[in-house]
Amino acid sequence: MIFKSSWEIDLMRKSGRIVAEALDRLTRLAEPGMTTLELDRVAEEYILKRGGKPAFKGYRDYPYTLCASVNEQVVHAFPSGRKLREGDIISLDLGAVVDGYYADAAVTVPVGQVSEEARRLIAVTQESLQRAIEAARSGNRLSDISYAVQSTVESQGYSVVRLFVGHGIGRSLHEEPQIPNFGPPGRPPFGPTLKPGLVLAIEPMVNAGGPEVTIQEDRWTAVTCDRSLSAHFEHSVALTHEGTEILTSLDGAG
């Protein structure tokens, strides 16, 4: 695990603020008729205007600023000329880097009026992230975060995607430790102890159907194997001596 100093976390607050503001703007623009490529352009323009750089563009040859995953798409979907339609749900996954330090976050939002199933899936996934952040406390173990997600999700009849995990974040977009969204709570064999200075990108991905996903021909877009709906939420979270801070929230509350 890589621990951050207070000045490093200060820099990550800047990148986190840009991500939070950009996602807030994209959420309000995600309406019927908007294309995912238009959302990508808005995201890139906003990040650059605020003095950051897109974190995803060029990362392992990913060609866009935004990951825009609609309905059965789980993560990493390319923006395109696809127009959003009434009843869709869309995951907006975005990262920014400022002065060499990264932040990463995601939200899933409804497009117009959506089904009760879609609303409930979004609510449960968001709740699982909140429970995971509550578990991200000094003295707990990493696996307490994983268990918080899994127990919340499965208690409501949904499934956790296991192919992808959360991660540490800082001078790199992806750092150790990896954070699975499943596993037993924090007894000694199950993960290191959490300490101040750790910054984590916690990101539950939840399917309405089974947990299995498959990667499309573009080698990026992941979709549910049973084509059920999928939702994704993420925050970059810093553990400090004062408590837990959400770096990618507009209010920063832990």
Protein backbone atom coordinates (compact mmCIF):
# COMPACT_ATOMS: atom_id res chain seq x y z
CA MET A 1 0.00 0.00 0.00
CA ILE A 2 1.14 3.54 -0.78
CA PHE A 3 0.48 6.16 1.89
CA LYS A 4 0.10 9.86 1.10
CA SER A 5 1.34 12.88 3.01
CA SER A 6 -0.99 15.75 3.86
CA TRP A 7 0.31 17.86 0.97
CA GLU A 8 -0.29 15.01 -1.46
CA ILE A 9 -3.87 14.69 -0.25
CA ASP A 10 -4.23 18.46 -0.72
CA LEU A 11 -3.34 18.01 -4.39
CA MET A 12 -5.79 15.14 -4.68
CA ARG A 13 -8.51 17.39 -3.28
CA LYS A 14 -7.98 19.62 -6.31
CA SER A 15 -8.30 16.80 -8.82
CA GLY A 16 -11.20 15.36 -6.84
CA ARG A 17 -13.05 18.67 -6.89
CA ILE A 18 -12.73 18.88 -10.66
CA VAL A 19 -14.09 15.35 -11.07
CA ALA A 20 -17.00 16.07 -8.71
CA GLU A 21 -17.95 19.26 -10.52
CA ALA A 22 -17.66 17.64 -13.95
CA LEU A 23 -19.84 14.69 -12.94
CA ASP A 24 -22.42 17.05 -11.48
CA ARG A 25 -22.57 18.84 -14.83
CA LEU A 26 -22.77 15.59 -16.82
CA THR A 27 -25.54 14.26 -14.59
CA ARG A 28 -27.69 17.27 -15.45
CA LEU A 29 -26.99 16.86 -19.18
CA ALA A 30 -27.82 13.13 -19.35
CA GLU A 31 -31.24 13.54 -20.94
CA PRO A 32 -33.01 11.85 -23.87
CA GLY A 33 -31.44 12.84 -27.19
CA MET A 34 -27.98 13.60 -25.77
CA THR A 35 -25.21 11.44 -27.24
CA THR A 36 -22.55 9.87 -25.07
CA LEU A 37 -19.90 11.45 -27.30
CA GLU A 38 -21.34 14.90 -26.53
CA LEU A 39 -21.03 14.08 -22.83
CA ASP A 40 -17.42 13.08 -23.39
CA ARG A 41 -16.66 16.42 -25.05
CA VAL A 42 -18.26 18.34 -22.19
CA ALA A 43 -16.21 16.36 -19.67
CA GLU A 44 -12.91 16.96 -21.45
CA GLU A 45 -13.55 20.65 -21.99
CA TYR A 46 -14.48 21.15 -18.34
CA ILE A 47 -11.44 19.30 -16.96
CA LEU A 48 -9.06 21.26 -19.19
CA LYS A 49 -10.77 24.56 -18.35
CA ARG A 50 -10.30 23.88 -14.64
CA GLY A 51 -6.56 23.25 -15.08
CA GLY A 52 -6.58 19.46 -14.99
CA LYS A 53 -5.97 16.75 -17.52
CA PRO A 54 -8.23 13.81 -18.37
CA ALA A 55 -7.00 10.77 -16.47
CA PHE A 56 -8.41 8.11 -18.77
CA LYS A 57 -7.55 9.46 -22.22
CA GLY A 58 -4.48 7.60 -23.42
CA TYR A 59 -4.39 5.29 -20.39
CA ARG A 60 -3.57 1.90 -21.88
CA ASP A 61 -4.64 3.47 -25.19
CA TYR A 62 -8.17 4.28 -24.00
CA PRO A 63 -9.26 6.90 -26.55
CA TYR A 64 -11.74 9.02 -24.57
CA THR A 65 -12.05 11.18 -21.45
CA LEU A 66 -15.25 9.55 -20.17
CA CYS A 67 -16.46 5.98 -19.77
CA ALA A 68 -20.17 6.05 -20.63
CA SER A 69 -21.84 2.70 -19.95
CA VAL A 70 -25.55 2.37 -20.76
CA ASN A 71 -28.00 -0.23 -19.40
CA GLU A 72 -26.35 -3.70 -19.63
CA GLN A 73 -22.92 -2.13 -20.14
CA VAL A 74 -21.07 -2.47 -16.84
CA VAL A 75 -17.94 -0.32 -17.25
CA HIS A 76 -15.47 1.11 -19.78
CA ALA A 77 -17.91 1.70 -22.64
CA PHE A 78 -16.67 4.04 -25.36
CA PRO A 79 -18.59 7.28 -25.90
CA SER A 80 -20.24 7.29 -29.32
CA GLY A 81 -23.02 8.78 -31.42
CA ARG A 82 -25.51 6.69 -29.46
CA LYS A 83 -28.37 8.88 -28.29
CA LEU A 84 -29.69 8.38 -24.80
CA ARG A 85 -33.32 7.30 -24.65
CA GLU A 86 -36.05 7.71 -22.06
CA GLY A 87 -35.73 4.87 -19.56
CA ASP A 88 -31.98 4.26 -20.02
CA ILE A 89 -29.56 4.32 -17.13
CA ILE A 90 -25.99 5.48 -17.72
CA SER A 91 -22.81 5.07 -15.69
CA LEU A 92 -20.55 8.12 -15.99
CA ASP A 93 -17.00 7.19 -14.95
CA LEU A 94 -14.45 10.00 -14.96
CA GLY A 95 -10.94 10.78 -13.76
CA ALA A 96 -8.70 13.84 -13.66
CA VAL A 97 -5.06 14.53 -12.81
CA VAL A 98 -3.70 17.77 -11.34
CA ASP A 99 0.01 18.30 -10.72
CA GLY A 100 0.61 14.58 -11.11
CA TYR A 101 -2.10 13.40 -8.69
CA TYR A 102 -5.24 11.56 -9.72
CA ALA A 103 -8.88 11.34 -8.68
CA ASP A 104 -11.52 8.95 -10.01
CA ALA A 105 -15.28 8.71 -9.49
CA ALA A 106 -18.44 7.38 -11.09
CA VAL A 107 -22.20 7.81 -10.83
CA THR A 108 -25.11 6.01 -12.45
CA VAL A 109 -28.03 8.23 -13.36
CA PRO A 110 -31.51 7.68 -14.80
CA VAL A 111 -32.36 9.16 -18.19
CA GLY A 112 -35.85 10.60 -17.84
CA GLN A 113 -38.41 8.27 -16.29
CA VAL A 114 -36.98 4.81 -15.64
CA SER A 115 -38.42 1.52 -14.41
CA GLU A 116 -38.80 0.67 -10.74
CA GLU A 117 -36.17 -2.04 -11.21
CA ALA A 118 -33.69 0.52 -12.55
CA ARG A 119 -34.40 2.98 -9.72
CA ARG A 120 -33.96 0.28 -7.10
CA LEU A 121 -30.72 -1.00 -8.66
CA ILE A 122 -29.27 2.51 -8.67
CA ALA A 123 -30.33 3.10 -5.05
CA VAL A 124 -28.88 -0.18 -3.78
CA THR A 125 -25.57 0.34 -5.61
CA GLN A 126 -25.25 3.84 -4.22
CA GLU A 127 -26.07 2.56 -0.73
CA SER A 128 -23.39 -0.13 -1.04
CA LEU A 129 -20.81 2.56 -1.80
CA GLN A 130 -21.92 4.55 1.23
CA ARG A 131 -21.65 1.47 3.46
CA ALA A 132 -18.19 0.77 2.04
CA ILE A 133 -17.05 4.32 2.77
CA GLU A 134 -18.34 3.98 6.33
CA ALA A 135 -16.17 0.85 6.65
CA ALA A 136 -13.10 2.71 5.34
CA ARG A 137 -11.88 3.74 8.77
CA SER A 138 -8.47 3.56 10.37
CA GLY A 139 -8.19 0.34 12.35
CA ASN A 140 -10.58 -1.59 10.11
CA ARG A 141 -9.28 -4.01 7.53
CA LEU A 142 -9.46 -3.69 3.78
CA SER A 143 -11.81 -6.66 3.64
CA ASP A 144 -14.34 -4.77 5.78
CA ILE A 145 -14.87 -2.53 2.74
CA SER A 146 -15.37 -5.55 0.49
CA TYR A 147 -17.82 -7.16 2.89
CA ALA A 148 -19.83 -3.94 3.25
CA VAL A 149 -20.46 -3.89 -0.49
CA GLN A 150 -21.28 -7.57 -0.87
CA SER A 151 -23.56 -7.81 2.14
CA THR A 152 -25.54 -4.71 1.12
CA VAL A 153 -25.94 -5.81 -2.48
CA GLU A 154 -26.76 -9.48 -1.96
CA SER A 155 -29.21 -8.76 0.85
CA GLN A 156 -31.32 -6.93 -1.75
CA GLY A 157 -31.19 -9.75 -4.31
CA TYR A 158 -28.56 -8.28 -6.62
CA SER A 159 -25.11 -9.54 -7.58
CA VAL A 160 -21.63 -8.06 -7.33
CA VAL A 161 -19.38 -7.97 -10.37
CA ARG A 162 -16.21 -9.86 -9.48
CA LEU A 163 -14.07 -9.30 -12.57
CA PHE A 164 -13.31 -5.67 -11.66
CA VAL A 165 -12.16 -4.18 -8.35
CA GLY A 166 -11.52 -0.89 -6.65
CA HIS A 167 -7.97 0.31 -6.14
CA GLY A 168 -5.55 2.63 -4.47
CA ILE A 169 -5.02 5.96 -6.21
CA GLY A 170 -2.47 8.77 -6.08
CA ARG A 171 0.45 9.45 -8.39
CA SER A 172 -0.95 6.65 -10.54
CA LEU A 173 -4.54 6.05 -11.54
CA HIS A 174 -4.34 2.49 -10.25
CA GLU A 175 -2.18 1.66 -7.22
CA GLU A 176 -2.13 -1.08 -4.64
CA PRO A 177 -4.16 -2.26 -2.88
CA GLN A 178 -6.84 -3.84 -5.01
CA ILE A 179 -10.27 -3.67 -3.35
CA PRO A 180 -12.64 -6.51 -4.27
CA ASN A 181 -16.34 -5.84 -3.81
CA PHE A 182 -16.83 -9.19 -2.11
CA GLY A 183 -15.28 -11.20 0.69
CA PRO A 184 -15.47 -11.91 4.43
CA PRO A 185 -15.22 -9.16 7.06
CA GLY A 186 -11.91 -8.16 8.57
CA ARG A 187 -10.38 -11.00 10.48
CA PRO A 188 -6.55 -11.02 10.36
CA PRO A 189 -6.05 -13.21 7.29
CA PHE A 190 -8.34 -11.06 5.19
CA GLY A 191 -6.57 -7.90 4.18
CA PRO A 192 -4.25 -5.28 5.68
CA THR A 193 -5.22 -2.81 8.38
CA LEU A 194 -6.37 0.60 7.17
CA LYS A 195 -4.27 3.58 8.32
CA PRO A 196 -4.20 7.36 7.80
CA GLY A 197 -2.59 8.40 4.52
CA LEU A 198 -4.28 5.70 2.48
CA VAL A 199 -6.33 6.93 -0.49
CA LEU A 200 -8.74 4.47 -2.09
CA ALA A 201 -11.00 4.49 -5.13
CA ILE A 202 -13.93 2.39 -3.93
CA GLU A 203 -16.26 1.33 -6.75
CA PRO A 204 -19.05 -1.21 -6.46
CA MET A 205 -20.41 -2.54 -9.76
CA VAL A 206 -23.77 -4.26 -9.30
CA ASN A 207 -25.91 -6.30 -11.68
CA ALA A 208 -29.66 -6.82 -11.54
CA GLY A 209 -29.07 -10.39 -12.76
CA GLY A 210 -26.07 -12.66 -12.42
CA PRO A 211 -22.53 -11.45 -11.68
CA GLU A 212 -20.94 -12.66 -14.93
CA VAL A 213 -19.69 -10.15 -17.49
CA THR A 214 -18.02 -10.39 -20.88
CA ILE A 215 -15.69 -8.02 -22.73
CA GLN A 216 -16.78 -6.80 -26.17
CA GLU A 217 -14.71 -6.74 -29.36
CA ASP A 218 -13.37 -3.25 -28.61
CA ARG A 219 -11.45 -4.91 -25.72
CA TRP A 220 -12.82 -2.36 -23.25
CA THR A 221 -16.62 -2.42 -22.97
CA ALA A 222 -17.87 -4.90 -20.37
CA VAL A 223 -21.50 -6.07 -20.52
CA THR A 224 -23.56 -8.39 -18.36
CA CYS A 225 -23.69 -11.90 -19.80
CA ASP A 226 -27.44 -12.13 -19.22
CA ARG A 227 -27.95 -8.55 -20.50
CA SER A 228 -29.44 -7.46 -17.19
CA LEU A 229 -29.04 -3.86 -16.06
CA SER A 230 -25.85 -2.83 -14.28
CA ALA A 231 -25.01 0.16 -12.07
CA HIS A 232 -21.68 1.62 -10.94
CA PHE A 233 -20.76 4.16 -8.28
CA GLU A 234 -17.29 5.28 -7.21
CA HIS A 235 -15.55 7.79 -4.94
CA SER A 236 -11.91 8.51 -4.20
CA VAL A 237 -11.63 8.48 -0.41
CA ALA A 238 -8.77 9.63 1.83
CA LEU A 239 -8.14 8.28 5.32
CA THR A 240 -6.75 11.08 7.47
CA HIS A 241 -6.03 11.55 11.17
CA GLU A 242 -9.24 13.59 11.34
CA GLY A 243 -11.37 10.88 9.73
CA THR A 244 -12.45 9.77 6.28
CA GLU A 245 -12.86 12.35 3.54
CA ILE A 246 -14.54 11.87 0.16
CA LEU A 247 -12.30 13.71 -2.27
CA THR A 248 -14.71 13.43 -5.20
CA SER A 249 -17.82 14.70 -3.43
CA LEU A 250 -18.98 18.28 -3.74
CA ASP A 251 -19.27 18.52 0.05
CA GLY A 252 -16.36 16.19 0.97
CA ALA A 253 -18.28 14.56 3.80
CA GLY A 254 -17.19 11.08 4.88
